[in-house]
Amino acid sequence: EQLLALAGAVRQAGSVDEGTARTDWLDVERRRGISVKTACASILWQGCRINLVDTPGHMDFAGEVERCLGVLDGVVLVLSAVEGIQAQTEAIWKAVRRLRLPALFLINKIDRAGADTAGLIQQLKQAFSADILPIQRVLGEGSEECQVENFSLAEEDFRETCWVNASRWDEGLEAAYLEEQPVTDEQIEKSIRRGAAAGEIFPLFYSSAKKGIGMKPLLQGMVDFLPSAGGR
């Protein structure tokens, strides 16, 4: 709903809790506040057409999710900053990797008490992939005043992290890293984007979707890191 509103596809974001979400159109979905069937929506962001395929999150409808994966060019895997990795998260991730789909991670609900993004990222890297790359920091985690802020390659620690991640799949950057040769920020950035589009690096974002926080960086991340349909 927030993505649709931000892109101008709707005037105002609907609410799952209030039963006004556009992609929850079945009576049972609006009554129970959960998605049962897959729904589609289309938005335009900075001249790029993004077709959103909104799948159920509940474990009972995991089969509905897996049936959709074959038509996707990229995935945004949403987790809760409070509940963390759940059984359906693991099942979907296995299917995503089996199909070698590019993926972004989105840790949502950063405004809720008990949010533990640092602990969740550690779990994700251990259970899913060491190539998960957080590209933002959270300010005021677990509070109503929470915000997200993008890292910059001007920050030495982040630049080093990006270089290491890119080096795992980019032989040119790997050689430069091992031989301590200089590389430009542009080289690192291009390698990260190519690696993400190839399903080798997985950028991670944060949000409080209920408050509309983190939506613009996520939209930009879809354009920057996920591949186009390529005529499919």
Protein backbone atom coordinates (compact mmCIF):
# COMPACT_ATOMS: atom_id res chain seq x y z
CA GLU A 1 0.00 0.00 0.00
CA GLN A 2 2.80 2.41 0.86
CA LEU A 3 4.64 1.61 -2.38
CA LEU A 4 1.46 2.19 -4.41
CA ALA A 5 0.87 5.54 -2.70
CA LEU A 6 4.49 6.67 -3.00
CA ALA A 7 4.52 5.91 -6.73
CA GLY A 8 1.24 7.75 -7.22
CA ALA A 9 -0.79 4.69 -8.22
CA VAL A 10 -3.31 5.45 -5.44
CA ARG A 11 -4.11 8.66 -3.60
CA GLN A 12 -3.82 7.18 -0.12
CA ALA A 13 -2.31 4.00 1.27
CA GLY A 14 -4.85 1.46 2.43
CA SER A 15 -4.55 -0.58 5.61
CA VAL A 16 -4.49 -4.33 6.16
CA ASP A 17 -5.85 -3.88 9.69
CA GLU A 18 -8.75 -1.80 8.41
CA GLY A 19 -9.48 -4.11 5.49
CA THR A 20 -8.75 -1.45 2.86
CA ALA A 21 -5.63 -2.93 1.25
CA ARG A 22 -6.09 -3.08 -2.54
CA THR A 23 -4.32 -6.42 -2.95
CA ASP A 24 -6.43 -8.07 -0.23
CA TRP A 25 -9.67 -8.19 -2.19
CA LEU A 26 -11.29 -11.40 -0.91
CA ASP A 27 -13.78 -11.06 1.95
CA VAL A 28 -11.81 -13.53 4.07
CA GLU A 29 -8.62 -11.51 3.53
CA ARG A 30 -10.23 -8.25 4.62
CA ARG A 31 -11.97 -9.89 7.56
CA ARG A 32 -8.90 -11.73 8.90
CA GLY A 33 -6.24 -9.19 7.88
CA ILE A 34 -4.06 -11.72 6.01
CA SER A 35 -3.38 -12.48 2.36
CA VAL A 36 -4.77 -15.76 1.05
CA LYS A 37 -4.40 -15.39 -2.72
CA THR A 38 -1.67 -13.76 -4.78
CA ALA A 39 -2.50 -10.34 -6.21
CA CYS A 40 -0.72 -8.08 -8.68
CA ALA A 41 -0.24 -4.33 -8.96
CA SER A 42 1.81 -2.17 -11.31
CA ILE A 43 3.62 1.08 -10.56
CA LEU A 44 5.98 3.44 -12.35
CA TRP A 45 9.06 4.70 -10.52
CA GLN A 46 11.61 6.98 -12.20
CA GLY A 47 10.59 5.75 -15.62
CA CYS A 48 10.83 2.08 -14.60
CA ARG A 49 7.75 -0.12 -14.67
CA ILE A 50 7.61 -2.33 -11.56
CA ASN A 51 5.07 -5.14 -11.47
CA LEU A 52 4.44 -6.12 -7.86
CA VAL A 53 3.31 -9.67 -7.12
CA ASP A 54 1.96 -9.66 -3.57
CA THR A 55 2.02 -13.18 -2.12
CA PRO A 56 0.63 -14.50 1.18
CA GLY A 57 2.96 -14.57 4.18
CA HIS A 58 1.16 -17.17 6.28
CA MET A 59 2.63 -20.69 6.37
CA ASP A 60 -0.71 -22.24 5.38
CA PHE A 61 -0.43 -20.61 1.96
CA ALA A 62 3.24 -21.28 1.24
CA GLY A 63 2.27 -23.31 -1.82
CA GLU A 64 0.69 -20.20 -3.32
CA VAL A 65 4.01 -18.38 -2.91
CA GLU A 66 6.12 -21.11 -4.51
CA ARG A 67 3.79 -21.29 -7.53
CA CYS A 68 4.50 -17.60 -8.22
CA LEU A 69 8.29 -17.74 -8.05
CA GLY A 70 8.73 -19.04 -11.57
CA VAL A 71 7.39 -15.84 -13.15
CA LEU A 72 9.42 -13.41 -11.05
CA ASP A 73 12.57 -11.53 -12.05
CA GLY A 74 13.43 -10.70 -8.44
CA VAL A 75 12.20 -11.13 -4.88
CA VAL A 76 11.77 -8.88 -1.86
CA LEU A 77 11.80 -11.18 1.17
CA VAL A 78 10.08 -9.48 4.10
CA LEU A 79 10.89 -10.33 7.71
CA SER A 80 9.75 -8.90 11.03
CA ALA A 81 12.34 -7.16 13.19
CA VAL A 82 10.56 -8.68 16.21
CA GLU A 83 9.56 -12.23 15.12
CA GLY A 84 12.65 -12.79 12.97
CA ILE A 85 13.17 -15.91 10.84
CA GLN A 86 10.09 -18.12 10.72
CA ALA A 87 9.45 -21.55 9.21
CA GLN A 88 7.90 -20.11 6.04
CA THR A 89 10.86 -17.74 5.64
CA GLU A 90 13.23 -20.70 5.45
CA ALA A 91 11.01 -22.58 2.99
CA ILE A 92 10.69 -19.60 0.67
CA TRP A 93 14.41 -18.86 0.81
CA LYS A 94 15.23 -22.44 -0.22
CA ALA A 95 12.89 -22.08 -3.20
CA VAL A 96 14.42 -18.70 -4.12
CA ARG A 97 17.92 -20.16 -4.09
CA ARG A 98 16.85 -23.27 -6.00
CA LEU A 99 15.59 -20.99 -8.79
CA ARG A 100 18.62 -18.68 -8.40
CA LEU A 101 16.43 -15.61 -8.18
CA PRO A 102 17.95 -12.24 -7.27
CA ALA A 103 16.63 -11.10 -3.90
CA LEU A 104 16.45 -8.12 -1.59
CA PHE A 105 15.82 -8.51 2.14
CA LEU A 106 13.47 -6.14 3.95
CA ILE A 107 13.38 -6.09 7.76
CA ASN A 108 10.03 -4.52 8.61
CA LYS A 109 8.44 -3.33 11.87
CA ILE A 110 11.57 -1.55 13.11
CA ASP A 111 9.30 0.76 15.14
CA ARG A 112 8.01 -2.02 17.38
CA ALA A 113 9.27 -2.66 20.90
CA GLY A 114 11.57 -5.67 20.93
CA ALA A 115 12.96 -5.03 17.45
CA ASP A 116 16.45 -6.58 17.16
CA THR A 117 17.81 -5.90 13.69
CA ALA A 118 21.44 -6.60 14.62
CA GLY A 119 20.58 -10.02 16.03
CA LEU A 120 18.37 -10.83 13.05
CA ILE A 121 21.08 -9.91 10.54
CA GLN A 122 23.52 -12.19 12.35
CA GLN A 123 21.01 -15.04 12.17
CA LEU A 124 20.34 -14.38 8.47
CA LYS A 125 24.03 -14.44 7.59
CA GLN A 126 24.52 -17.69 9.48
CA ALA A 127 21.38 -19.47 8.22
CA PHE A 128 20.89 -17.97 4.75
CA SER A 129 23.95 -16.32 3.20
CA ALA A 130 27.14 -14.50 4.17
CA ASP A 131 26.53 -12.29 1.12
CA ILE A 132 23.62 -10.42 2.70
CA LEU A 133 24.66 -6.76 2.58
CA PRO A 134 22.90 -4.20 4.83
CA ILE A 135 23.01 -0.88 2.98
CA GLN A 136 21.25 1.17 5.68
CA ARG A 137 21.38 1.90 9.39
CA VAL A 138 18.38 2.21 11.72
CA LEU A 139 17.99 5.28 13.92
CA GLY A 140 15.73 5.07 16.98
CA GLU A 141 15.04 1.35 16.61
CA GLY A 142 12.02 0.12 18.56
CA SER A 143 10.46 3.56 18.89
CA GLU A 144 7.84 5.70 17.18
CA GLU A 145 10.62 8.06 16.04
CA CYS A 146 12.57 5.41 14.12
CA GLN A 147 14.17 6.32 10.78
CA VAL A 148 16.44 4.68 8.22
CA GLU A 149 19.56 6.18 6.68
CA ASN A 150 21.59 4.86 3.75
CA PHE A 151 25.26 4.10 4.23
CA SER A 152 27.74 5.87 1.98
CA LEU A 153 30.86 4.52 0.28
CA ALA A 154 32.58 7.53 1.86
CA GLU A 155 32.29 5.62 5.16
CA GLU A 156 35.42 3.49 5.41
CA ASP A 157 33.84 0.50 7.18
CA PHE A 158 30.96 0.29 4.70
CA ARG A 159 33.30 0.68 1.73
CA GLU A 160 35.45 -2.18 3.05
CA THR A 161 32.37 -4.37 3.56
CA CYS A 162 31.14 -3.69 0.02
CA TRP A 163 34.57 -4.39 -1.44
CA VAL A 164 34.79 -7.72 0.40
CA ASN A 165 31.28 -8.73 -0.72
CA ALA A 166 31.97 -7.75 -4.33
CA SER A 167 35.32 -9.56 -4.28
CA ARG A 168 33.62 -12.90 -3.60
CA TRP A 169 32.21 -12.99 -7.11
CA ASP A 170 34.12 -10.27 -9.06
CA GLU A 171 37.59 -11.64 -9.90
CA GLY A 172 38.90 -8.19 -10.86
CA LEU A 173 37.98 -6.68 -7.49
CA GLU A 174 39.22 -9.80 -5.69
CA ALA A 175 42.67 -9.44 -7.28
CA ALA A 176 42.76 -5.72 -6.45
CA TYR A 177 41.75 -6.46 -2.85
CA LEU A 178 44.37 -9.17 -2.34
CA GLU A 179 47.11 -7.09 -3.97
CA GLU A 180 45.97 -3.94 -2.12
CA GLN A 181 45.50 -2.04 -5.37
CA PRO A 182 43.24 1.01 -5.42
CA VAL A 183 39.73 0.81 -6.88
CA THR A 184 37.17 3.55 -7.37
CA ASP A 185 33.82 3.86 -5.63
CA GLU A 186 32.21 3.54 -9.06
CA GLN A 187 33.86 0.16 -9.62
CA ILE A 188 32.62 -1.12 -6.26
CA GLU A 189 29.11 0.23 -6.80
CA LYS A 190 28.82 -1.30 -10.28
CA SER A 191 30.07 -4.65 -9.01
CA ILE A 192 27.56 -4.66 -6.14
CA ARG A 193 24.72 -3.90 -8.57
CA ARG A 194 25.80 -6.59 -11.00
CA GLY A 195 26.24 -9.08 -8.17
CA ALA A 196 22.77 -8.33 -6.82
CA ALA A 197 21.17 -8.68 -10.26
CA ALA A 198 22.97 -12.01 -10.70
CA GLY A 199 21.77 -13.35 -7.34
CA GLU A 200 25.25 -13.31 -5.80
CA ILE A 201 24.79 -10.40 -3.35
CA PHE A 202 21.63 -9.67 -1.37
CA PRO A 203 21.13 -6.01 -0.32
CA LEU A 204 19.18 -5.57 2.90
CA PHE A 205 16.80 -2.71 3.73
CA TYR A 206 14.77 -1.65 6.77
CA SER A 207 11.26 -0.27 7.10
CA SER A 208 8.24 0.48 9.14
CA ALA A 209 5.72 -0.03 6.37
CA LYS A 210 2.84 0.92 8.64
CA LYS A 211 4.40 4.37 9.03
CA GLY A 212 5.69 4.60 5.47
CA ILE A 213 9.30 4.66 6.66
CA GLY A 214 11.92 3.22 4.32
CA MET A 215 9.63 2.94 1.30
CA LYS A 216 11.48 5.31 -1.02
CA PRO A 217 14.89 3.62 -0.53
CA LEU A 218 13.21 0.24 -1.10
CA LEU A 219 11.66 1.39 -4.40
CA GLN A 220 15.02 2.77 -5.50
CA GLY A 221 16.65 -0.48 -4.44
CA MET A 222 14.31 -2.46 -6.69
CA VAL A 223 15.37 -0.30 -9.64
CA ASP A 224 19.07 -0.36 -8.74
CA PHE A 225 19.57 -3.98 -7.72
CA LEU A 226 16.94 -6.20 -9.35
CA PRO A 227 17.23 -7.13 -13.04
CA SER A 228 14.75 -6.10 -15.70
CA ALA A 229 12.47 -8.61 -17.39
CA GLY A 230 14.84 -8.64 -20.36
CA GLY A 231 12.10 -9.27 -22.91
CA ARG A 232 10.65 -12.29 -21.11
